[in-house]
Amino acid sequence: EAHGTGTQAGDWRELKAISETLGTSRTTENPILVGSVKPNIGHLEGAAGVAGLIKAVLMLEQERIPPHINFETPNPDIDFREWKVKVSRAATAWPSNVNKRVSVNCFGFGGTNAHVIVDGAAEYLQTKQLDAHRASATPQGNSVRPLRNGSLQDASPHSKHPGLGQENWQIFCYSSHDRSGMERLVSQHVSMLRESDALANDFLTNYAYTLGCRRSRLEWRSFFVSDSLSGLVEEMNKPQYSVTRSIKQASPRLCFLFSGHGAQW
C-alpha cells in the first residue's frame, strides 16, 4: 500500500525504493503488487496513513487485493518489469500459497516516513505457535461470504460456536420527560412483556434495537441488561433500579478547521 500521490518525482522514488528492498527476492514473473487508496478518497493529509492502514486490514480480512483505480498511463521513468513491481489493476483473490502481508507506506509533509507491516491473523498465530479457529473468506471462486456471528463460515443467524457461551445479552434503554414518567413507562412495558405470547425468536434483539436506536432520548433515563425475556421482566420488577438525569447539551454546530500549511491550496 504505497503513498502514491501520483507525482512524477515521488512515485518514481517510492517504487524504486520498493524495488531495491522488497523486490530483491522477487522475479519478473512474481512481482510485488502495489496500489494506493488515494485515487478512491483523495489525500487525507495527516490522516492519509490511517486510511492506507484501514485498507490494508480490509484486504487481509476479505482476502482480496483491490484495483488501483484510474491507472491509465504509467510513468515512463518507471520500469515496472525490471523493477519487479506491478500496479494492481483488477480485484484479485489473495494467492493461497503465500503468507498474507501488507506493507503500508506513508510520507509526512516534512519528509518523515512511517512504514507499517501488517500480517494476516493466521500468519501471526503461526509465529506464536498458536492454533485458532479460522475460515477463509473466499474458499472458491471470487464470491465473498458475509460475516455472521463473528465467523466467516456458512451459518444461520443463531449458529453456535464451540467454546463460546450461548448467552445473547442485550441492553434495553428507556427514557422519559420526568422521573415519575420513567416509573410508569417501565411498569407499562413489564405488563406488555408479560402479556405477550409466542414471541418470535429474534424479539429481544429487535426490542433492544428499537428502544436504543428508534426512540427519542429524553431527559430521564434508565437501562436493563438481560439475555432472556424472563430475566428482563425480573430486573424491571425490582423495587430499586438506576434512574439518571442527562445533562442538557446545546445543539451541535459545524466547524471547519484548516491545518494552515497550504497543501490544500
Foldseek 3Di string as FASTA:
>chain_A
DEQDPPDLPVVQVRLLVCLVPVVPPDALVQAAEDAACCVVPHQPAVCRQVVQVVVLVVCLQQQKDAARPPDDDDNPSDPCSVSRYDGRHHIDGHDPVDWRKDWGWHAHPVGDIDIDIDGRPVVVCVVVVHDDDADHQDPDDDDGADQAPNHSDDDDNQDDDPPDDNFDKAKAKDADQDDVVRLVVLVVVLVVLVPDPPDDPCVVVVNRCCRVPVDDHHFKMFMDMDRDSVVVSVVSPDPDGDIDGDDDDDDDDDDDDDPPPPPVD
